[in-house]
């Protein structure tokens, strides 16, 4: 067998491994779509760097330079796929990172 053929065999999936289940693939695709936006990445970075890794939506508008409705839209999208958790405290809603959901992204590269 040639060297190239051996390299191709090493890269090919084994007969024991199958494709990613469709439902899981769709779930991960939704997750990746939610982070594939520059504003959302900025929001996530601010939350991650905040005290206790949580932030009030009201504190995210100025650093990112977008309106409150825009911030709310992005937070809603990330909340829908479970990237952030939300907690109402009086009038304000505080967001924190859902580390379990983030672990699913890192598991893709393990």
PDB file of N, CA and C in Angstrom:
ATOM      1  N   UNK A   1       0.848  -1.173   0.000  1.00  0.00           N
ATOM      2  CA  UNK A   1       0.000   0.000   0.000  1.00  0.00           C
ATOM      3  C   UNK A   1       0.897   1.241   0.000  1.00  0.00           C
ATOM      4  N   UNK A   2       0.486   2.249  -0.739  1.00  0.00           N
ATOM      5  CA  UNK A   2       1.280   3.464  -0.833  1.00  0.00           C
ATOM      6  C   UNK A   2       1.140   4.296   0.438  1.00  0.00           C
ATOM      7  N   UNK A   3       2.061   5.208   0.580  1.00  0.00           N
ATOM      8  CA  UNK A   3       2.038   6.092   1.754  1.00  0.00           C
ATOM      9  C   UNK A   3       0.749   6.913   1.778  1.00  0.00           C
ATOM     10  N   UNK A   4       0.299   7.387   0.613  1.00  0.00           N
ATOM     11  CA  UNK A   4      -0.930   8.192   0.543  1.00  0.00           C
ATOM     12  C   UNK A   4      -2.136   7.348   0.933  1.00  0.00           C
ATOM     13  N   UNK A   5      -2.196   6.117   0.484  1.00  0.00           N
ATOM     14  CA  UNK A   5      -3.314   5.247   0.835  1.00  0.00           C
ATOM     15  C   UNK A   5      -3.353   4.995   2.333  1.00  0.00           C
ATOM     16  N   UNK A   6      -2.200   4.805   2.951  1.00  0.00           N
ATOM     17  CA  UNK A   6      -2.144   4.602   4.397  1.00  0.00           C
ATOM     18  C   UNK A   6      -2.636   5.843   5.143  1.00  0.00           C
ATOM     19  N   UNK A   7      -2.247   7.028   4.666  1.00  0.00           N
ATOM     20  CA  UNK A   7      -2.690   8.265   5.301  1.00  0.00           C
ATOM     21  C   UNK A   7      -4.214   8.426   5.198  1.00  0.00           C
ATOM     22  N   UNK A   8      -4.772   8.050   4.055  1.00  0.00           N
ATOM     23  CA  UNK A   8      -6.220   8.139   3.886  1.00  0.00           C
ATOM     24  C   UNK A   8      -6.939   7.181   4.829  1.00  0.00           C
ATOM     25  N   UNK A   9      -6.394   5.991   5.011  1.00  0.00           N
ATOM     26  CA  UNK A   9      -7.000   5.031   5.926  1.00  0.00           C
ATOM     27  C   UNK A   9      -6.982   5.542   7.361  1.00  0.00           C
ATOM     28  N   UNK A  10      -5.904   6.230   7.741  1.00  0.00           N
ATOM     29  CA  UNK A  10      -5.805   6.780   9.088  1.00  0.00           C
ATOM     30  C   UNK A  10      -6.869   7.855   9.323  1.00  0.00           C
ATOM     31  N   UNK A  11      -7.208   8.606   8.288  1.00  0.00           N
ATOM     32  CA  UNK A  11      -8.177   9.697   8.421  1.00  0.00           C
ATOM     33  C   UNK A  11      -9.620   9.217   8.317  1.00  0.00           C
ATOM     34  N   UNK A  12      -9.832   8.078   7.691  1.00  0.00           N
ATOM     35  CA  UNK A  12     -11.197   7.590   7.475  1.00  0.00           C
ATOM     36  C   UNK A  12     -11.826   7.165   8.792  1.00  0.00           C
ATOM     37  N   UNK A  13     -13.119   7.380   8.946  1.00  0.00           N
ATOM     38  CA  UNK A  13     -13.785   6.929  10.175  1.00  0.00           C
ATOM     39  C   UNK A  13     -13.777   5.407  10.248  1.00  0.00           C
ATOM     40  N   UNK A  14     -13.670   4.905  11.449  1.00  0.00           N
ATOM     41  CA  UNK A  14     -13.692   3.459  11.620  1.00  0.00           C
ATOM     42  C   UNK A  14     -15.104   2.954  11.409  1.00  0.00           C
ATOM     43  N   UNK A  15     -15.227   1.667  11.173  1.00  0.00           N
ATOM     44  CA  UNK A  15     -16.546   1.089  10.953  1.00  0.00           C
ATOM     45  C   UNK A  15     -17.392   1.155  12.214  1.00  0.00           C
ATOM     46  N   UNK A  16     -16.759   1.339  13.374  1.00  0.00           N
ATOM     47  CA  UNK A  16     -17.474   1.417  14.644  1.00  0.00           C
ATOM     48  C   UNK A  16     -18.080   2.792  14.879  1.00  0.00           C
ATOM     49  N   UNK A  17     -17.495   3.808  14.260  1.00  0.00           N
ATOM     50  CA  UNK A  17     -18.027   5.155  14.476  1.00  0.00           C
ATOM     51  C   UNK A  17     -18.977   5.511  13.346  1.00  0.00           C
ATOM     52  N   UNK A  18     -20.084   6.103  13.722  1.00  0.00           N
ATOM     53  CA  UNK A  18     -21.061   6.523  12.732  1.00  0.00           C
ATOM     54  C   UNK A  18     -21.142   8.028  12.699  1.00  0.00           C
ATOM     55  N   UNK A  19     -22.007   8.539  11.860  1.00  0.00           N
ATOM     56  CA  UNK A  19     -22.159   9.999  11.819  1.00  0.00           C
ATOM     57  C   UNK A  19     -22.824  10.507  13.095  1.00  0.00           C
ATOM     58  N   UNK A  20     -22.639  11.755  13.331  1.00  0.00           N
ATOM     59  CA  UNK A  20     -23.291  12.421  14.462  1.00  0.00           C
ATOM     60  C   UNK A  20     -24.799  12.319  14.276  1.00  0.00           C
ATOM     61  N   UNK A  21     -25.508  11.964  15.315  1.00  0.00           N
ATOM     62  CA  UNK A  21     -26.968  11.856  15.231  1.00  0.00           C
ATOM     63  C   UNK A  21     -27.552  13.187  14.769  1.00  0.00           C
ATOM     64  N   UNK A  22     -28.564  13.130  13.932  1.00  0.00           N
ATOM     65  CA  UNK A  22     -29.139  14.333  13.326  1.00  0.00           C
ATOM     66  C   UNK A  22     -29.625  15.329  14.373  1.00  0.00           C
ATOM     67  N   UNK A  23     -30.341  14.855  15.383  1.00  0.00           N
ATOM     68  CA  UNK A  23     -30.857  15.755  16.416  1.00  0.00           C
ATOM     69  C   UNK A  23     -29.721  16.470  17.141  1.00  0.00           C
ATOM     70  N   UNK A  24     -28.658  15.736  17.459  1.00  0.00           N
ATOM     71  CA  UNK A  24     -27.511  16.344  18.127  1.00  0.00           C
ATOM     72  C   UNK A  24     -26.820  17.340  17.204  1.00  0.00           C
ATOM     73  N   UNK A  25     -26.703  16.993  15.927  1.00  0.00           N
ATOM     74  CA  UNK A  25     -26.080  17.893  14.957  1.00  0.00           C
ATOM     75  C   UNK A  25     -26.866  19.193  14.828  1.00  0.00           C
ATOM     76  N   UNK A  26     -28.195  19.099  14.801  1.00  0.00           N
ATOM     77  CA  UNK A  26     -29.032  20.302  14.706  1.00  0.00           C
ATOM     78  C   UNK A  26     -28.907  21.148  15.960  1.00  0.00           C
ATOM     79  N   UNK A  27     -28.842  20.500  17.122  1.00  0.00           N
ATOM     80  CA  UNK A  27     -28.699  21.201  18.389  1.00  0.00           C
ATOM     81  C   UNK A  27     -27.388  21.977  18.422  1.00  0.00           C
ATOM     82  N   UNK A  28     -26.316  21.339  18.009  1.00  0.00           N
ATOM     83  CA  UNK A  28     -24.998  21.990  18.001  1.00  0.00           C
ATOM     84  C   UNK A  28     -24.959  23.102  16.956  1.00  0.00           C
ATOM     85  N   UNK A  29     -25.599  22.884  15.813  1.00  0.00           N
ATOM     86  CA  UNK A  29     -25.642  23.920  14.778  1.00  0.00           C
ATOM     87  C   UNK A  29     -26.345  25.168  15.292  1.00  0.00           C
ATOM     88  N   UNK A  30     -27.453  24.988  16.018  1.00  0.00           N
ATOM     89  CA  UNK A  30     -28.159  26.139  16.601  1.00  0.00           C
ATOM     90  C   UNK A  30     -27.260  26.881  17.591  1.00  0.00           C
ATOM     91  N   UNK A  31     -26.531  26.125  18.370  1.00  0.00           N
ATOM     92  CA  UNK A  31     -25.613  26.707  19.343  1.00  0.00           C
ATOM     93  C   UNK A  31     -24.534  27.533  18.644  1.00  0.00           C
ATOM     94  N   UNK A  32     -23.939  26.962  17.609  1.00  0.00           N
ATOM     95  CA  UNK A  32     -22.875  27.665  16.891  1.00  0.00           C
ATOM     96  C   UNK A  32     -23.407  28.884  16.139  1.00  0.00           C
ATOM     97  N   UNK A  33     -24.617  28.800  15.608  1.00  0.00           N
ATOM     98  CA  UNK A  33     -25.220  29.963  14.948  1.00  0.00           C
ATOM     99  C   UNK A  33     -25.400  31.110  15.942  1.00  0.00           C
ATOM    100  N   UNK A  34     -25.736  30.755  17.168  1.00  0.00           N
ATOM    101  CA  UNK A  34     -25.983  31.783  18.179  1.00  0.00           C
ATOM    102  C   UNK A  34     -24.712  32.544  18.544  1.00  0.00           C
ATOM    103  N   UNK A  35     -23.560  31.921  18.427  1.00  0.00           N
ATOM    104  CA  UNK A  35     -22.316  32.626  18.762  1.00  0.00           C
ATOM    105  C   UNK A  35     -21.624  33.192  17.528  1.00  0.00           C
ATOM    106  N   UNK A  36     -22.166  32.931  16.354  1.00  0.00           N
ATOM    107  CA  UNK A  36     -21.543  33.386  15.117  1.00  0.00           C
ATOM    108  C   UNK A  36     -21.983  34.807  14.762  1.00  0.00           C
ATOM    109  N   UNK A  37     -21.898  35.678  15.721  1.00  0.00           N
ATOM    110  CA  UNK A  37     -22.282  37.074  15.527  1.00  0.00           C
ATOM    111  C   UNK A  37     -21.350  37.933  16.365  1.00  0.00           C
ATOM    112  N   UNK A  38     -20.741  38.953  15.786  1.00  0.00           N
ATOM    113  CA  UNK A  38     -19.771  39.767  16.526  1.00  0.00           C
ATOM    114  C   UNK A  38     -20.343  40.425  17.781  1.00  0.00           C
ATOM    115  N   UNK A  39     -21.571  40.933  17.696  1.00  0.00           N
ATOM    116  CA  UNK A  39     -22.168  41.582  18.872  1.00  0.00           C
ATOM    117  C   UNK A  39     -22.385  40.570  19.988  1.00  0.00           C
ATOM    118  N   UNK A  40     -22.841  39.382  19.631  1.00  0.00           N
ATOM    119  CA  UNK A  40     -23.054  38.351  20.645  1.00  0.00           C
ATOM    120  C   UNK A  40     -21.740  37.927  21.290  1.00  0.00           C
ATOM    121  N   UNK A  41     -20.705  37.840  20.499  1.00  0.00           N
ATOM    122  CA  UNK A  41     -19.405  37.501  21.073  1.00  0.00           C
ATOM    123  C   UNK A  41     -18.931  38.595  22.027  1.00  0.00           C
ATOM    124  N   UNK A  42     -19.191  39.850  21.686  1.00  0.00           N
ATOM    125  CA  UNK A  42     -18.839  40.950  22.585  1.00  0.00           C
ATOM    126  C   UNK A  42     -19.627  40.855  23.890  1.00  0.00           C
ATOM    127  N   UNK A  43     -20.904  40.570  23.780  1.00  0.00           N
ATOM    128  CA  UNK A  43     -21.745  40.434  24.975  1.00  0.00           C
ATOM    129  C   UNK A  43     -21.232  39.303  25.851  1.00  0.00           C
ATOM    130  N   UNK A  44     -20.960  38.167  25.248  1.00  0.00           N
ATOM    131  CA  UNK A  44     -20.479  37.010  26.005  1.00  0.00           C
ATOM    132  C   UNK A  44     -19.148  37.306  26.687  1.00  0.00           C
ATOM    133  N   UNK A  45     -18.268  38.014  25.994  1.00  0.00           N
ATOM    134  CA  UNK A  45     -16.975  38.364  26.582  1.00  0.00           C
ATOM    135  C   UNK A  45     -17.158  39.295  27.777  1.00  0.00           C
ATOM    136  N   UNK A  46     -18.075  40.259  27.668  1.00  0.00           N
ATOM    137  CA  UNK A  46     -18.337  41.166  28.790  1.00  0.00           C
ATOM    138  C   UNK A  46     -18.902  40.405  29.989  1.00  0.00           C
ATOM    139  N   UNK A  47     -19.821  39.499  29.734  1.00  0.00           N
ATOM    140  CA  UNK A  47     -20.388  38.709  30.836  1.00  0.00           C
ATOM    141  C   UNK A  47     -19.294  37.861  31.481  1.00  0.00           C
ATOM    142  N   UNK A  48     -18.489  37.223  30.669  1.00  0.00           N
ATOM    143  CA  UNK A  48     -17.425  36.346  31.191  1.00  0.00           C
ATOM    144  C   UNK A  48     -16.425  37.121  32.043  1.00  0.00           C
ATOM    145  N   UNK A  49     -16.174  38.385  31.698  1.00  0.00           N
ATOM    146  CA  UNK A  49     -15.185  39.193  32.425  1.00  0.00           C
ATOM    147  C   UNK A  49     -15.790  39.979  33.582  1.00  0.00           C
ATOM    148  N   UNK A  50     -17.095  39.934  33.706  1.00  0.00           N
ATOM    149  CA  UNK A  50     -17.776  40.681  34.772  1.00  0.00           C
ATOM    150  C   UNK A  50     -17.628  39.969  36.106  1.00  0.00           C
ATOM    151  N   UNK A  51     -17.844  40.739  37.169  1.00  0.00           N
ATOM    152  CA  UNK A  51     -17.807  40.174  38.508  1.00  0.00           C
ATOM    153  C   UNK A  51     -18.855  39.062  38.605  1.00  0.00           C
ATOM    154  N   UNK A  52     -18.468  37.945  39.128  1.00  0.00           N
ATOM    155  CA  UNK A  52     -19.320  36.753  39.252  1.00  0.00           C
ATOM    156  C   UNK A  52     -19.801  36.219  37.915  1.00  0.00           C
ATOM    157  N   UNK A  53     -19.180  36.641  36.842  1.00  0.00           N
ATOM    158  CA  UNK A  53     -19.547  36.236  35.481  1.00  0.00           C
ATOM    159  C   UNK A  53     -21.040  36.387  35.224  1.00  0.00           C
ATOM    160  N   UNK A  54     -21.541  37.558  35.597  1.00  0.00           N
ATOM    161  CA  UNK A  54     -22.934  37.899  35.340  1.00  0.00           C
ATOM    162  C   UNK A  54     -23.011  39.390  35.057  1.00  0.00           C
ATOM    163  N   UNK A  55     -24.027  39.769  34.292  1.00  0.00           N
ATOM    164  CA  UNK A  55     -24.184  41.184  33.966  1.00  0.00           C
ATOM    165  C   UNK A  55     -25.657  41.495  33.748  1.00  0.00           C
ATOM    166  N   UNK A  56     -26.002  42.700  34.123  1.00  0.00           N
ATOM    167  CA  UNK A  56     -27.347  43.209  33.875  1.00  0.00           C
ATOM    168  C   UNK A  56     -27.388  43.702  32.429  1.00  0.00           C
ATOM    169  N   UNK A  57     -28.490  43.440  31.762  1.00  0.00           N
ATOM    170  CA  UNK A  57     -28.626  43.886  30.379  1.00  0.00           C
ATOM    171  C   UNK A  57     -28.399  45.390  30.260  1.00  0.00           C
ATOM    172  N   UNK A  58     -28.799  46.126  31.282  1.00  0.00           N
ATOM    173  CA  UNK A  58     -28.659  47.587  31.254  1.00  0.00           C
ATOM    174  C   UNK A  58     -27.200  48.039  31.228  1.00  0.00           C
ATOM    175  N   UNK A  59     -26.277  47.189  31.668  1.00  0.00           N
ATOM    176  CA  UNK A  59     -24.863  47.554  31.707  1.00  0.00           C
ATOM    177  C   UNK A  59     -24.099  47.147  30.455  1.00  0.00           C
ATOM    178  N   UNK A  60     -24.775  46.587  29.484  1.00  0.00           N
ATOM    179  CA  UNK A  60     -24.090  46.099  28.285  1.00  0.00           C
ATOM    180  C   UNK A  60     -24.196  47.048  27.096  1.00  0.00           C
ATOM    181  N   UNK A  61     -25.141  47.972  27.143  1.00  0.00           N
ATOM    182  CA  UNK A  61     -25.356  48.845  25.981  1.00  0.00           C
ATOM    183  C   UNK A  61     -24.195  49.794  25.724  1.00  0.00           C
ATOM    184  N   UNK A  62     -23.752  50.484  26.749  1.00  0.00           N
ATOM    185  CA  UNK A  62     -22.697  51.483  26.565  1.00  0.00           C
ATOM    186  C   UNK A  62     -21.366  50.883  26.096  1.00  0.00           C
ATOM    187  N   UNK A  63     -20.854  49.835  26.740  1.00  0.00           N
ATOM    188  CA  UNK A  63     -19.559  49.300  26.296  1.00  0.00           C
ATOM    189  C   UNK A  63     -19.580  48.784  24.854  1.00  0.00           C
ATOM    190  N   UNK A  64     -20.716  48.265  24.413  1.00  0.00           N
ATOM    191  CA  UNK A  64     -20.782  47.705  23.062  1.00  0.00           C
ATOM    192  C   UNK A  64     -21.213  48.751  22.040  1.00  0.00           C
ATOM    193  N   UNK A  65     -21.915  49.774  22.509  1.00  0.00           N
ATOM    194  CA  UNK A  65     -22.303  50.864  21.621  1.00  0.00           C
ATOM    195  C   UNK A  65     -23.527  50.560  20.767  1.00  0.00           C
ATOM    196  N   UNK A  66     -24.440  49.768  21.315  1.00  0.00           N
ATOM    197  CA  UNK A  66     -25.689  49.494  20.610  1.00  0.00           C
ATOM    198  C   UNK A  66     -26.849  49.792  21.550  1.00  0.00           C
ATOM    199  N   UNK A  67     -28.047  49.856  20.987  1.00  0.00           N
ATOM    200  CA  UNK A  67     -29.221  50.212  21.784  1.00  0.00           C
ATOM    201  C   UNK A  67     -29.644  49.061  22.698  1.00  0.00           C
ATOM    202  N   UNK A  68     -30.451  49.410  23.695  1.00  0.00           N
ATOM    203  CA  UNK A  68     -30.949  48.405  24.625  1.00  0.00           C
ATOM    204  C   UNK A  68     -31.802  47.355  23.915  1.00  0.00           C
ATOM    205  N   UNK A  69     -32.692  47.729  22.975  1.00  0.00           N
ATOM    206  CA  UNK A  69     -33.453  46.692  22.268  1.00  0.00           C
ATOM    207  C   UNK A  69     -32.556  45.707  21.495  1.00  0.00           C
ATOM    208  N   UNK A  70     -31.452  46.216  20.956  1.00  0.00           N
ATOM    209  CA  UNK A  70     -30.521  45.335  20.235  1.00  0.00           C
ATOM    210  C   UNK A  70     -29.865  44.354  21.193  1.00  0.00           C
ATOM    211  N   UNK A  71     -29.431  44.856  22.344  1.00  0.00           N
ATOM    212  CA  UNK A  71     -28.842  43.978  23.365  1.00  0.00           C
ATOM    213  C   UNK A  71     -29.861  42.920  23.790  1.00  0.00           C
ATOM    214  N   UNK A  72     -31.087  43.341  24.036  1.00  0.00           N
ATOM    215  CA  UNK A  72     -32.136  42.417  24.458  1.00  0.00           C
ATOM    216  C   UNK A  72     -32.399  41.343  23.406  1.00  0.00           C
ATOM    217  N   UNK A  73     -32.390  41.741  22.153  1.00  0.00           N
ATOM    218  CA  UNK A  73     -32.592  40.777  21.057  1.00  0.00           C
ATOM    219  C   UNK A  73     -31.503  39.703  21.084  1.00  0.00           C
ATOM    220  N   UNK A  74     -30.260  40.130  21.182  1.00  0.00           N
ATOM    221  CA  UNK A  74     -29.142  39.180  21.176  1.00  0.00           C
ATOM    222  C   UNK A  74     -29.168  38.287  22.414  1.00  0.00           C
ATOM    223  N   UNK A  75     -29.468  38.868  23.556  1.00  0.00           N
ATOM    224  CA  UNK A  75     -29.544  38.065  24.781  1.00  0.00           C
ATOM    225  C   UNK A  75     -30.678  37.036  24.704  1.00  0.00           C
ATOM    226  N   UNK A  76     -31.782  37.426  24.101  1.00  0.00           N
ATOM    227  CA  UNK A  76     -32.899  36.496  23.937  1.00  0.00           C
ATOM    228  C   UNK A  76     -32.478  35.311  23.071  1.00  0.00           C
ATOM    229  N   UNK A  77     -31.808  35.588  21.962  1.00  0.00           N
ATOM    230  CA  UNK A  77     -31.362  34.514  21.064  1.00  0.00           C
ATOM    231  C   UNK A  77     -30.403  33.566  21.784  1.00  0.00           C
ATOM    232  N   UNK A  78     -29.497  34.129  22.569  1.00  0.00           N
ATOM    233  CA  UNK A  78     -28.534  33.282  23.280  1.00  0.00           C
ATOM    234  C   UNK A  78     -29.202  32.518  24.413  1.00  0.00           C
ATOM    235  N   UNK A  79     -30.207  33.114  24.999  1.00  0.00           N
ATOM    236  CA  UNK A  79     -30.959  32.447  26.058  1.00  0.00           C
ATOM    237  C   UNK A  79     -31.772  31.277  25.496  1.00  0.00           C
ATOM    238  N   UNK A  80     -32.327  31.457  24.309  1.00  0.00           N
ATOM    239  CA  UNK A  80     -33.137  30.409  23.677  1.00  0.00           C
ATOM    240  C   UNK A  80     -32.352  29.133  23.416  1.00  0.00           C
ATOM    241  N   UNK A  81     -31.048  29.256  23.138  1.00  0.00           N
ATOM    242  CA  UNK A  81     -30.228  28.060  22.889  1.00  0.00           C
ATOM    243  C   UNK A  81     -29.467  27.640  24.138  1.00  0.00           C
ATOM    244  N   UNK A  82     -29.680  28.362  25.244  1.00  0.00           N
ATOM    245  CA  UNK A  82     -29.085  27.955  26.512  1.00  0.00           C
ATOM    246  C   UNK A  82     -27.671  28.424  26.770  1.00  0.00           C
ATOM    247  N   UNK A  83     -27.161  29.365  25.979  1.00  0.00           N
ATOM    248  CA  UNK A  83     -25.799  29.868  26.215  1.00  0.00           C
ATOM    249  C   UNK A  83     -25.721  30.730  27.460  1.00  0.00           C
ATOM    250  N   UNK A  84     -26.802  31.432  27.739  1.00  0.00           N
ATOM    251  CA  UNK A  84     -26.853  32.265  28.938  1.00  0.00           C
ATOM    252  C   UNK A  84     -28.108  31.925  29.724  1.00  0.00           C
ATOM    253  N   UNK A  85     -27.997  32.092  31.018  1.00  0.00           N
ATOM    254  CA  UNK A  85     -29.138  31.927  31.913  1.00  0.00           C
ATOM    255  C   UNK A  85     -29.581  33.313  32.349  1.00  0.00           C
ATOM    256  N   UNK A  86     -30.857  33.464  32.611  1.00  0.00           N
ATOM    257  CA  UNK A  86     -31.373  34.770  33.005  1.00  0.00           C
ATOM    258  C   UNK A  86     -32.058  34.683  34.347  1.00  0.00           C
ATOM    259  N   UNK A  87     -31.920  35.779  35.104  1.00  0.00           N
ATOM    260  CA  UNK A  87     -32.555  35.851  36.422  1.00  0.00           C
ATOM    261  C   UNK A  87     -33.092  37.260  36.605  1.00  0.00           C
ATOM    262  N   UNK A  88     -34.371  37.359  36.871  1.00  0.00           N
ATOM    263  CA  UNK A  88     -34.984  38.666  37.109  1.00  0.00           C
ATOM    264  C   UNK A  88     -34.733  39.071  38.553  1.00  0.00           C
ATOM    265  N   UNK A  89     -34.222  40.272  38.715  1.00  0.00           N
ATOM    266  CA  UNK A  89     -33.992  40.859  40.042  1.00  0.00           C
ATOM    267  C   UNK A  89     -34.674  42.210  40.058  1.00  0.00           C
ATOM    268  N   UNK A  90     -35.875  42.221  40.570  1.00  0.00           N
ATOM    269  CA  UNK A  90     -36.646  43.458  40.553  1.00  0.00           C
ATOM    270  C   UNK A  90     -37.013  43.809  39.126  1.00  0.00           C
ATOM    271  N   UNK A  91     -36.609  44.997  38.695  1.00  0.00           N
ATOM    272  CA  UNK A  91     -36.914  45.471  37.355  1.00  0.00           C
ATOM    273  C   UNK A  91     -35.946  44.929  36.313  1.00  0.00           C
ATOM    274  N   UNK A  92     -34.752  44.561  36.743  1.00  0.00           N
ATOM    275  CA  UNK A  92     -33.684  44.204  35.815  1.00  0.00           C
ATOM    276  C   UNK A  92     -33.538  42.699  35.643  1.00  0.00           C
ATOM    277  N   UNK A  93     -32.993  42.334  34.493  1.00  0.00           N
ATOM    278  CA  UNK A  93     -32.691  40.934  34.223  1.00  0.00           C
ATOM    279  C   UNK A  93     -31.168  40.798  34.142  1.00  0.00           C
ATOM    280  N   UNK A  94     -30.660  39.847  34.914  1.00  0.00           N
ATOM    281  CA  UNK A  94     -29.229  39.575  34.952  1.00  0.00           C
ATOM    282  C   UNK A  94     -28.947  38.304  34.177  1.00  0.00           C
ATOM    283  N   UNK A  95     -27.849  38.302  33.449  1.00  0.00           N
ATOM    284  CA  UNK A  95     -27.479  37.162  32.612  1.00  0.00           C
ATOM    285  C   UNK A  95     -26.148  36.599  33.074  1.00  0.00           C
ATOM    286  N   UNK A  96     -26.049  35.283  33.019  1.00  0.00           N
ATOM    287  CA  UNK A  96     -24.789  34.607  33.343  1.00  0.00           C
ATOM    288  C   UNK A  96     -24.555  33.519  32.305  1.00  0.00           C
ATOM    289  N   UNK A  97     -23.301  33.106  32.198  1.00  0.00           N
ATOM    290  CA  UNK A  97     -22.946  32.066  31.230  1.00  0.00           C
ATOM    291  C   UNK A  97     -23.424  30.709  31.723  1.00  0.00           C
ATOM    292  N   UNK A  98     -23.951  29.915  30.831  1.00  0.00           N
ATOM    293  CA  UNK A  98     -24.334  28.543  31.136  1.00  0.00           C
ATOM    294  C   UNK A  98     -23.129  27.668  30.787  1.00  0.00           C
ATOM    295  N   UNK A  99     -22.337  27.347  31.793  1.00  0.00           N
ATOM    296  CA  UNK A  99     -21.073  26.635  31.556  1.00  0.00           C
ATOM    297  C   UNK A  99     -21.278  25.236  30.991  1.00  0.00           C
ATOM    298  N   UNK A 100     -22.375  24.598  31.352  1.00  0.00           N
ATOM    299  CA  UNK A 100     -22.650  23.267  30.807  1.00  0.00           C
ATOM    300  C   UNK A 100     -22.822  23.333  29.292  1.00  0.00           C
ATOM    301  N   UNK A 101     -23.562  24.340  28.852  1.00  0.00           N
ATOM    302  CA  UNK A 101     -23.789  24.510  27.404  1.00  0.00           C
ATOM    303  C   UNK A 101     -22.497  24.872  26.694  1.00  0.00           C
ATOM    304  N   UNK A 102     -21.675  25.701  27.334  1.00  0.00           N
ATOM    305  CA  UNK A 102     -20.384  26.059  26.752  1.00  0.00           C
ATOM    306  C   UNK A 102     -19.492  24.830  26.627  1.00  0.00           C
ATOM    307  N   UNK A 103     -19.626  23.906  27.579  1.00  0.00           N
ATOM    308  CA  UNK A 103     -18.850  22.676  27.526  1.00  0.00           C
ATOM    309  C   UNK A 103     -19.144  21.873  26.273  1.00  0.00           C
ATOM    310  N   UNK A 104     -20.359  21.977  25.764  1.00  0.00           N
ATOM    311  CA  UNK A 104     -20.702  21.263  24.537  1.00  0.00           C
ATOM    312  C   UNK A 104     -19.910  21.777  23.341  1.00  0.00           C
ATOM    313  N   UNK A 105     -19.595  23.061  23.354  1.00  0.00           N
ATOM    314  CA  UNK A 105     -18.772  23.606  22.273  1.00  0.00           C
ATOM    315  C   UNK A 105     -17.347  23.059  22.389  1.00  0.00           C
ATOM    316  N   UNK A 106     -16.792  23.095  23.587  1.00  0.00           N
ATOM    317  CA  UNK A 106     -15.416  22.608  23.745  1.00  0.00           C
ATOM    318  C   UNK A 106     -15.317  21.111  23.491  1.00  0.00           C
ATOM    319  N   UNK A 107     -16.390  20.366  23.778  1.00  0.00           N
ATOM    320  CA  UNK A 107     -16.387  18.922  23.508  1.00  0.00           C
ATOM    321  C   UNK A 107     -16.242  18.614  22.021  1.00  0.00           C
ATOM    322  N   UNK A 108     -16.627  19.552  21.167  1.00  0.00           N
ATOM    323  CA  UNK A 108     -16.499  19.328  19.724  1.00  0.00           C
ATOM    324  C   UNK A 108     -15.042  19.188  19.314  1.00  0.00           C
ATOM    325  N   UNK A 109     -14.152  19.774  20.097  1.00  0.00           N
ATOM    326  CA  UNK A 109     -12.745  19.804  19.722  1.00  0.00           C
ATOM    327  C   UNK A 109     -11.896  18.874  20.566  1.00  0.00           C
ATOM    328  N   UNK A 110     -12.528  18.037  21.355  1.00  0.00           N
ATOM    329  CA  UNK A 110     -11.804  17.111  22.224  1.00  0.00           C
ATOM    330  C   UNK A 110     -11.451  15.839  21.483  1.00  0.00           C
TER     331      UNK A 110
END
